[in-house]
Amino acid sequence: MLLKPQGVALGMSSIKVEKQWQMVYRHDLVRDVLFDIFRRAGISAKKEAPVNFLTDPLEGRSTLRPADILVFGWVGGKHACVDLTGVSPLVGLGSSVFTVGQAALKAASGKVIKHEKACLDNQHVFIPFAFDTFGFLAPEAVDLLSRVQRVMHSNVMTPRSMDVVFKRLSFAIQKGVAAQLVARLPTISM
């Protein structure tokens, strides 16, 4: 896990570490909120589940990469590996015309290419949960949240349960972005 650098002279490497720390915080915040939504809906899931097959051993990296959230018996009795990815919609803006959600859709398709076969080979389903910092959710994420919302509404049955899933997740994304912005503010010394 990357830690926020303390008292490091601002060089390129420390700026990179700082940016990575902020992105890890945003990712983990959204993951924790999504896991809490599953728990409150009565859906059996595990956070940071050690599935040990999401990384190809031929890549030379450890195969001990966990699923962000493992949802038990989600699709046809198979467990679902949910992999969260948060991206900036402004990535690659100079190279083409801006299209809403393009960065999140590209991230989701990249995750599918990278992990879906390994999940299927191990009798699991892979669900990419891609979002951008403007709040766009990839279709797989919307489908997942819609199903969770229906489960929550059938279990809880309050008027508030109809939209609480999307509102909580949207707030978590906004809070993560706000934390990134605040961390970038210059310090004022007196």
C-alpha atoms as a PDB file:
ATOM      1  CA  MET A   1       0.000   0.000   0.000  1.00  0.00           C
ATOM      2  CA  LEU A   2       1.277   3.452  -0.848  1.00  0.00           C
ATOM      3  CA  LEU A   3       1.550   5.923   1.975  1.00  0.00           C
ATOM      4  CA  LYS A   4       1.361   9.684   1.789  1.00  0.00           C
ATOM      5  CA  PRO A   5       4.939  10.999   1.819  1.00  0.00           C
ATOM      6  CA  GLN A   6       5.868  13.045   4.867  1.00  0.00           C
ATOM      7  CA  GLY A   7       8.504  15.765   4.553  1.00  0.00           C
ATOM      8  CA  VAL A   8       9.776  14.615   1.166  1.00  0.00           C
ATOM      9  CA  ALA A   9      11.256  17.276  -1.109  1.00  0.00           C
ATOM     10  CA  LEU A  10       8.900  17.801  -4.033  1.00  0.00           C
ATOM     11  CA  GLY A  11      10.521  15.970  -6.908  1.00  0.00           C
ATOM     12  CA  MET A  12       8.807  14.094  -9.724  1.00  0.00           C
ATOM     13  CA  SER A  13       8.814  10.799  -7.813  1.00  0.00           C
ATOM     14  CA  SER A  14       7.204  12.291  -4.717  1.00  0.00           C
ATOM     15  CA  ILE A  15       4.506  13.943  -6.836  1.00  0.00           C
ATOM     16  CA  LYS A  16       3.818  10.584  -8.491  1.00  0.00           C
ATOM     17  CA  VAL A  17       3.613   8.838  -5.091  1.00  0.00           C
ATOM     18  CA  GLU A  18       1.303  11.590  -3.801  1.00  0.00           C
ATOM     19  CA  LYS A  19      -1.012  11.203  -6.807  1.00  0.00           C
ATOM     20  CA  GLN A  20      -1.057   7.398  -6.454  1.00  0.00           C
ATOM     21  CA  TRP A  21      -1.871   7.675  -2.751  1.00  0.00           C
ATOM     22  CA  GLN A  22      -4.840   9.911  -3.544  1.00  0.00           C
ATOM     23  CA  MET A  23      -6.121   7.520  -6.220  1.00  0.00           C
ATOM     24  CA  VAL A  24      -5.762   4.543  -3.859  1.00  0.00           C
ATOM     25  CA  TYR A  25      -7.752   6.462  -1.235  1.00  0.00           C
ATOM     26  CA  ARG A  26     -10.561   7.218  -3.725  1.00  0.00           C
ATOM     27  CA  HIS A  27     -10.624   3.591  -4.938  1.00  0.00           C
ATOM     28  CA  ASP A  28     -10.712   2.199  -1.395  1.00  0.00           C
ATOM     29  CA  LEU A  29     -13.402   4.668  -0.304  1.00  0.00           C
ATOM     30  CA  VAL A  30     -15.701   3.662  -3.178  1.00  0.00           C
ATOM     31  CA  ARG A  31     -14.922  -0.040  -2.577  1.00  0.00           C
ATOM     32  CA  ASP A  32     -15.775   0.262   1.131  1.00  0.00           C
ATOM     33  CA  VAL A  33     -19.065   2.050   0.396  1.00  0.00           C
ATOM     34  CA  LEU A  34     -20.011  -0.537  -2.239  1.00  0.00           C
ATOM     35  CA  PHE A  35     -19.201  -3.359   0.195  1.00  0.00           C
ATOM     36  CA  ASP A  36     -21.318  -1.675   2.887  1.00  0.00           C
ATOM     37  CA  ILE A  37     -24.199  -1.391   0.404  1.00  0.00           C
ATOM     38  CA  PHE A  38     -23.960  -5.142  -0.284  1.00  0.00           C
ATOM     39  CA  ARG A  39     -23.911  -5.871   3.449  1.00  0.00           C
ATOM     40  CA  ARG A  40     -26.918  -3.664   4.202  1.00  0.00           C
ATOM     41  CA  ALA A  41     -28.852  -5.242   1.321  1.00  0.00           C
ATOM     42  CA  GLY A  42     -28.252  -8.686   2.849  1.00  0.00           C
ATOM     43  CA  ILE A  43     -26.019  -9.828  -0.022  1.00  0.00           C
ATOM     44  CA  SER A  44     -23.185 -12.147   0.958  1.00  0.00           C
ATOM     45  CA  ALA A  45     -19.870 -10.635  -0.118  1.00  0.00           C
ATOM     46  CA  LYS A  46     -16.242 -10.379   0.966  1.00  0.00           C
ATOM     47  CA  LYS A  47     -13.967  -7.375   0.585  1.00  0.00           C
ATOM     48  CA  GLU A  48     -10.386  -7.928  -0.717  1.00  0.00           C
ATOM     49  CA  ALA A  49     -11.097 -11.644  -1.217  1.00  0.00           C
ATOM     50  CA  PRO A  50      -7.965 -13.686  -2.041  1.00  0.00           C
ATOM     51  CA  VAL A  51      -9.034 -15.430  -5.258  1.00  0.00           C
ATOM     52  CA  ASN A  52      -5.413 -15.920  -6.451  1.00  0.00           C
ATOM     53  CA  PHE A  53      -6.147 -16.119 -10.169  1.00  0.00           C
ATOM     54  CA  LEU A  54      -6.685 -12.530 -11.317  1.00  0.00           C
ATOM     55  CA  THR A  55      -3.041 -12.095 -12.313  1.00  0.00           C
ATOM     56  CA  ASP A  56      -1.418 -14.226 -14.990  1.00  0.00           C
ATOM     57  CA  PRO A  57       1.713 -15.952 -13.578  1.00  0.00           C
ATOM     58  CA  LEU A  58       3.360 -15.441 -16.989  1.00  0.00           C
ATOM     59  CA  GLU A  59       3.373 -11.668 -16.325  1.00  0.00           C
ATOM     60  CA  GLY A  60       6.042 -12.245 -13.690  1.00  0.00           C
ATOM     61  CA  ARG A  61       3.937 -10.708 -10.913  1.00  0.00           C
ATOM     62  CA  SER A  62       2.446 -12.317  -7.833  1.00  0.00           C
ATOM     63  CA  THR A  63      -0.806 -14.187  -8.430  1.00  0.00           C
ATOM     64  CA  LEU A  64      -2.044 -13.188  -4.976  1.00  0.00           C
ATOM     65  CA  ARG A  65      -4.059 -10.233  -6.293  1.00  0.00           C
ATOM     66  CA  PRO A  66      -7.414 -10.143  -4.484  1.00  0.00           C
ATOM     67  CA  ALA A  67     -10.797  -9.294  -5.946  1.00  0.00           C
ATOM     68  CA  ASP A  68     -11.943  -5.896  -4.686  1.00  0.00           C
ATOM     69  CA  ILE A  69     -15.265  -7.512  -3.758  1.00  0.00           C
ATOM     70  CA  LEU A  70     -16.257 -11.156  -4.151  1.00  0.00           C
ATOM     71  CA  VAL A  71     -20.042 -11.582  -4.277  1.00  0.00           C
ATOM     72  CA  PHE A  72     -21.077 -15.124  -3.405  1.00  0.00           C
ATOM     73  CA  GLY A  73     -23.527 -16.942  -5.695  1.00  0.00           C
ATOM     74  CA  TRP A  74     -24.277 -13.798  -7.720  1.00  0.00           C
ATOM     75  CA  VAL A  75     -24.748 -15.109 -11.280  1.00  0.00           C
ATOM     76  CA  GLY A  76     -26.242 -18.570 -11.731  1.00  0.00           C
ATOM     77  CA  GLY A  77     -24.757 -19.758  -8.450  1.00  0.00           C
ATOM     78  CA  LYS A  78     -21.270 -18.584  -9.445  1.00  0.00           C
ATOM     79  CA  HIS A  79     -19.303 -16.113  -7.379  1.00  0.00           C
ATOM     80  CA  ALA A  80     -18.645 -12.722  -8.977  1.00  0.00           C
ATOM     81  CA  CYS A  81     -15.293 -10.952  -8.804  1.00  0.00           C
ATOM     82  CA  VAL A  82     -16.016  -7.223  -8.800  1.00  0.00           C
ATOM     83  CA  ASP A  83     -13.011  -5.101  -9.778  1.00  0.00           C
ATOM     84  CA  LEU A  84     -13.312  -1.349  -9.192  1.00  0.00           C
ATOM     85  CA  THR A  85     -11.580   1.161 -11.433  1.00  0.00           C
ATOM     86  CA  GLY A  86     -11.869   4.909 -11.079  1.00  0.00           C
ATOM     87  CA  VAL A  87     -10.531   7.076 -13.892  1.00  0.00           C
ATOM     88  CA  SER A  88     -10.411  10.717 -14.866  1.00  0.00           C
ATOM     89  CA  PRO A  89     -12.633  11.482 -17.855  1.00  0.00           C
ATOM     90  CA  LEU A  90     -10.014  13.992 -18.988  1.00  0.00           C
ATOM     91  CA  VAL A  91      -7.392  11.314 -19.734  1.00  0.00           C
ATOM     92  CA  GLY A  92      -6.448  11.483 -23.404  1.00  0.00           C
ATOM     93  CA  LEU A  93      -8.607  14.547 -23.961  1.00  0.00           C
ATOM     94  CA  GLY A  94      -6.145  16.164 -26.360  1.00  0.00           C
ATOM     95  CA  SER A  95      -6.050  13.176 -28.703  1.00  0.00           C
ATOM     96  CA  SER A  96      -9.720  13.019 -29.669  1.00  0.00           C
ATOM     97  CA  VAL A  97     -13.147  14.554 -29.271  1.00  0.00           C
ATOM     98  CA  PHE A  98     -14.510  14.402 -25.720  1.00  0.00           C
ATOM     99  CA  THR A  99     -17.181  11.747 -25.265  1.00  0.00           C
ATOM    100  CA  VAL A 100     -18.965  11.357 -21.936  1.00  0.00           C
ATOM    101  CA  GLY A 101     -17.927   8.120 -20.257  1.00  0.00           C
ATOM    102  CA  GLN A 102     -15.276   7.209 -22.829  1.00  0.00           C
ATOM    103  CA  ALA A 103     -12.485   6.818 -20.243  1.00  0.00           C
ATOM    104  CA  ALA A 104     -14.616   4.617 -17.958  1.00  0.00           C
ATOM    105  CA  LEU A 105     -15.794   2.453 -20.865  1.00  0.00           C
ATOM    106  CA  LYS A 106     -12.210   2.008 -22.044  1.00  0.00           C
ATOM    107  CA  ALA A 107     -11.091   1.085 -18.510  1.00  0.00           C
ATOM    108  CA  ALA A 108     -13.931  -1.442 -18.174  1.00  0.00           C
ATOM    109  CA  SER A 109     -13.123  -3.123 -21.489  1.00  0.00           C
ATOM    110  CA  GLY A 110      -9.441  -3.264 -20.524  1.00  0.00           C
ATOM    111  CA  LYS A 111     -10.329  -4.979 -17.245  1.00  0.00           C
ATOM    112  CA  VAL A 112     -12.547  -7.491 -19.072  1.00  0.00           C
ATOM    113  CA  ILE A 113      -9.730  -8.339 -21.486  1.00  0.00           C
ATOM    114  CA  LYS A 114      -7.296  -8.722 -18.593  1.00  0.00           C
ATOM    115  CA  HIS A 115      -9.378 -10.705 -16.063  1.00  0.00           C
ATOM    116  CA  GLU A 116     -12.542 -12.258 -17.529  1.00  0.00           C
ATOM    117  CA  LYS A 117     -10.953 -15.420 -18.945  1.00  0.00           C
ATOM    118  CA  ALA A 118      -9.167 -16.198 -15.663  1.00  0.00           C
ATOM    119  CA  CYS A 119     -12.444 -15.815 -13.770  1.00  0.00           C
ATOM    120  CA  LEU A 120     -14.388 -18.012 -16.195  1.00  0.00           C
ATOM    121  CA  ASP A 121     -11.647 -20.668 -16.101  1.00  0.00           C
ATOM    122  CA  ASN A 122     -12.063 -20.748 -12.307  1.00  0.00           C
ATOM    123  CA  GLN A 123     -15.890 -20.941 -12.336  1.00  0.00           C
ATOM    124  CA  HIS A 124     -16.338 -17.277 -11.387  1.00  0.00           C
ATOM    125  CA  VAL A 125     -17.953 -14.340 -13.155  1.00  0.00           C
ATOM    126  CA  PHE A 126     -16.026 -11.100 -13.696  1.00  0.00           C
ATOM    127  CA  ILE A 127     -17.761  -7.735 -13.268  1.00  0.00           C
ATOM    128  CA  PRO A 128     -15.753  -4.601 -14.063  1.00  0.00           C
ATOM    129  CA  PHE A 129     -16.986  -1.704 -11.948  1.00  0.00           C
ATOM    130  CA  ALA A 130     -15.606   1.308 -13.803  1.00  0.00           C
ATOM    131  CA  PHE A 131     -16.507   4.889 -12.978  1.00  0.00           C
ATOM    132  CA  ASP A 132     -15.100   8.282 -13.786  1.00  0.00           C
ATOM    133  CA  THR A 133     -14.599  11.233 -11.488  1.00  0.00           C
ATOM    134  CA  PHE A 134     -17.501  13.090 -13.111  1.00  0.00           C
ATOM    135  CA  GLY A 135     -19.830  10.304 -11.893  1.00  0.00           C
ATOM    136  CA  PHE A 136     -20.273   8.265 -15.082  1.00  0.00           C
ATOM    137  CA  LEU A 137     -20.739   4.539 -14.415  1.00  0.00           C
ATOM    138  CA  ALA A 138     -19.976   1.847 -16.988  1.00  0.00           C
ATOM    139  CA  PRO A 139     -23.018  -0.272 -17.998  1.00  0.00           C
ATOM    140  CA  GLU A 140     -21.802  -3.286 -15.966  1.00  0.00           C
ATOM    141  CA  ALA A 141     -21.619  -1.083 -12.866  1.00  0.00           C
ATOM    142  CA  VAL A 142     -25.124   0.274 -13.494  1.00  0.00           C
ATOM    143  CA  ASP A 143     -26.470  -3.277 -13.955  1.00  0.00           C
ATOM    144  CA  LEU A 144     -24.811  -4.417 -10.721  1.00  0.00           C
ATOM    145  CA  LEU A 145     -26.123  -1.448  -8.735  1.00  0.00           C
ATOM    146  CA  SER A 146     -29.618  -1.794 -10.211  1.00  0.00           C
ATOM    147  CA  ARG A 147     -29.774  -5.411  -9.091  1.00  0.00           C
ATOM    148  CA  VAL A 148     -28.446  -4.527  -5.628  1.00  0.00           C
ATOM    149  CA  GLN A 149     -31.036  -1.757  -5.415  1.00  0.00           C
ATOM    150  CA  ARG A 150     -33.843  -4.207  -6.277  1.00  0.00           C
ATOM    151  CA  VAL A 151     -32.583  -6.653  -3.630  1.00  0.00           C
ATOM    152  CA  MET A 152     -32.340  -3.861  -1.071  1.00  0.00           C
ATOM    153  CA  HIS A 153     -35.833  -2.603  -1.897  1.00  0.00           C
ATOM    154  CA  SER A 154     -37.330  -6.092  -1.572  1.00  0.00           C
ATOM    155  CA  ASN A 155     -35.551  -6.641   1.780  1.00  0.00           C
ATOM    156  CA  VAL A 156     -35.963  -3.170   3.283  1.00  0.00           C
ATOM    157  CA  MET A 157     -39.040  -1.767   1.463  1.00  0.00           C
ATOM    158  CA  THR A 158     -38.891   1.919   2.306  1.00  0.00           C
ATOM    159  CA  PRO A 159     -39.335   4.829  -0.108  1.00  0.00           C
ATOM    160  CA  ARG A 160     -35.726   5.807   0.594  1.00  0.00           C
ATOM    161  CA  SER A 161     -34.439   2.383  -0.483  1.00  0.00           C
ATOM    162  CA  MET A 162     -35.389   3.111  -4.104  1.00  0.00           C
ATOM    163  CA  ASP A 163     -32.424   5.386  -4.787  1.00  0.00           C
ATOM    164  CA  VAL A 164     -30.100   5.072  -1.799  1.00  0.00           C
ATOM    165  CA  VAL A 165     -27.662   2.784  -3.648  1.00  0.00           C
ATOM    166  CA  PHE A 166     -26.865   5.227  -6.450  1.00  0.00           C
ATOM    167  CA  LYS A 167     -26.871   8.241  -4.103  1.00  0.00           C
ATOM    168  CA  ARG A 168     -24.427   6.656  -1.643  1.00  0.00           C
ATOM    169  CA  LEU A 169     -22.057   5.562  -4.368  1.00  0.00           C
ATOM    170  CA  SER A 170     -22.230   8.944  -6.105  1.00  0.00           C
ATOM    171  CA  PHE A 171     -21.446  10.667  -2.812  1.00  0.00           C
ATOM    172  CA  ALA A 172     -18.456   8.357  -2.228  1.00  0.00           C
ATOM    173  CA  ILE A 173     -17.038   9.221  -5.660  1.00  0.00           C
ATOM    174  CA  GLN A 174     -17.546  12.946  -4.978  1.00  0.00           C
ATOM    175  CA  LYS A 175     -15.946  12.641  -1.545  1.00  0.00           C
ATOM    176  CA  GLY A 176     -12.929  10.862  -3.029  1.00  0.00           C
ATOM    177  CA  VAL A 177     -12.495  13.589  -5.648  1.00  0.00           C
ATOM    178  CA  ALA A 178     -12.876  16.296  -2.984  1.00  0.00           C
ATOM    179  CA  ALA A 179     -10.185  14.618  -0.862  1.00  0.00           C
ATOM    180  CA  GLN A 180      -7.862  14.615  -3.877  1.00  0.00           C
ATOM    181  CA  LEU A 181      -8.495  18.313  -4.485  1.00  0.00           C
ATOM    182  CA  VAL A 182      -7.983  19.283  -0.837  1.00  0.00           C
ATOM    183  CA  ALA A 183      -4.735  17.304  -0.714  1.00  0.00           C
ATOM    184  CA  ARG A 184      -3.444  19.355  -3.669  1.00  0.00           C
ATOM    185  CA  LEU A 185      -4.098  22.731  -2.003  1.00  0.00           C
ATOM    186  CA  PRO A 186      -0.956  24.637  -1.099  1.00  0.00           C
ATOM    187  CA  THR A 187      -0.133  24.798   2.586  1.00  0.00           C
ATOM    188  CA  ILE A 188      -0.228  28.222   4.181  1.00  0.00           C
ATOM    189  CA  SER A 189       2.488  28.865   6.726  1.00  0.00           C
ATOM    190  CA  MET A 190       2.134  31.648   9.243  1.00  0.00           C
END
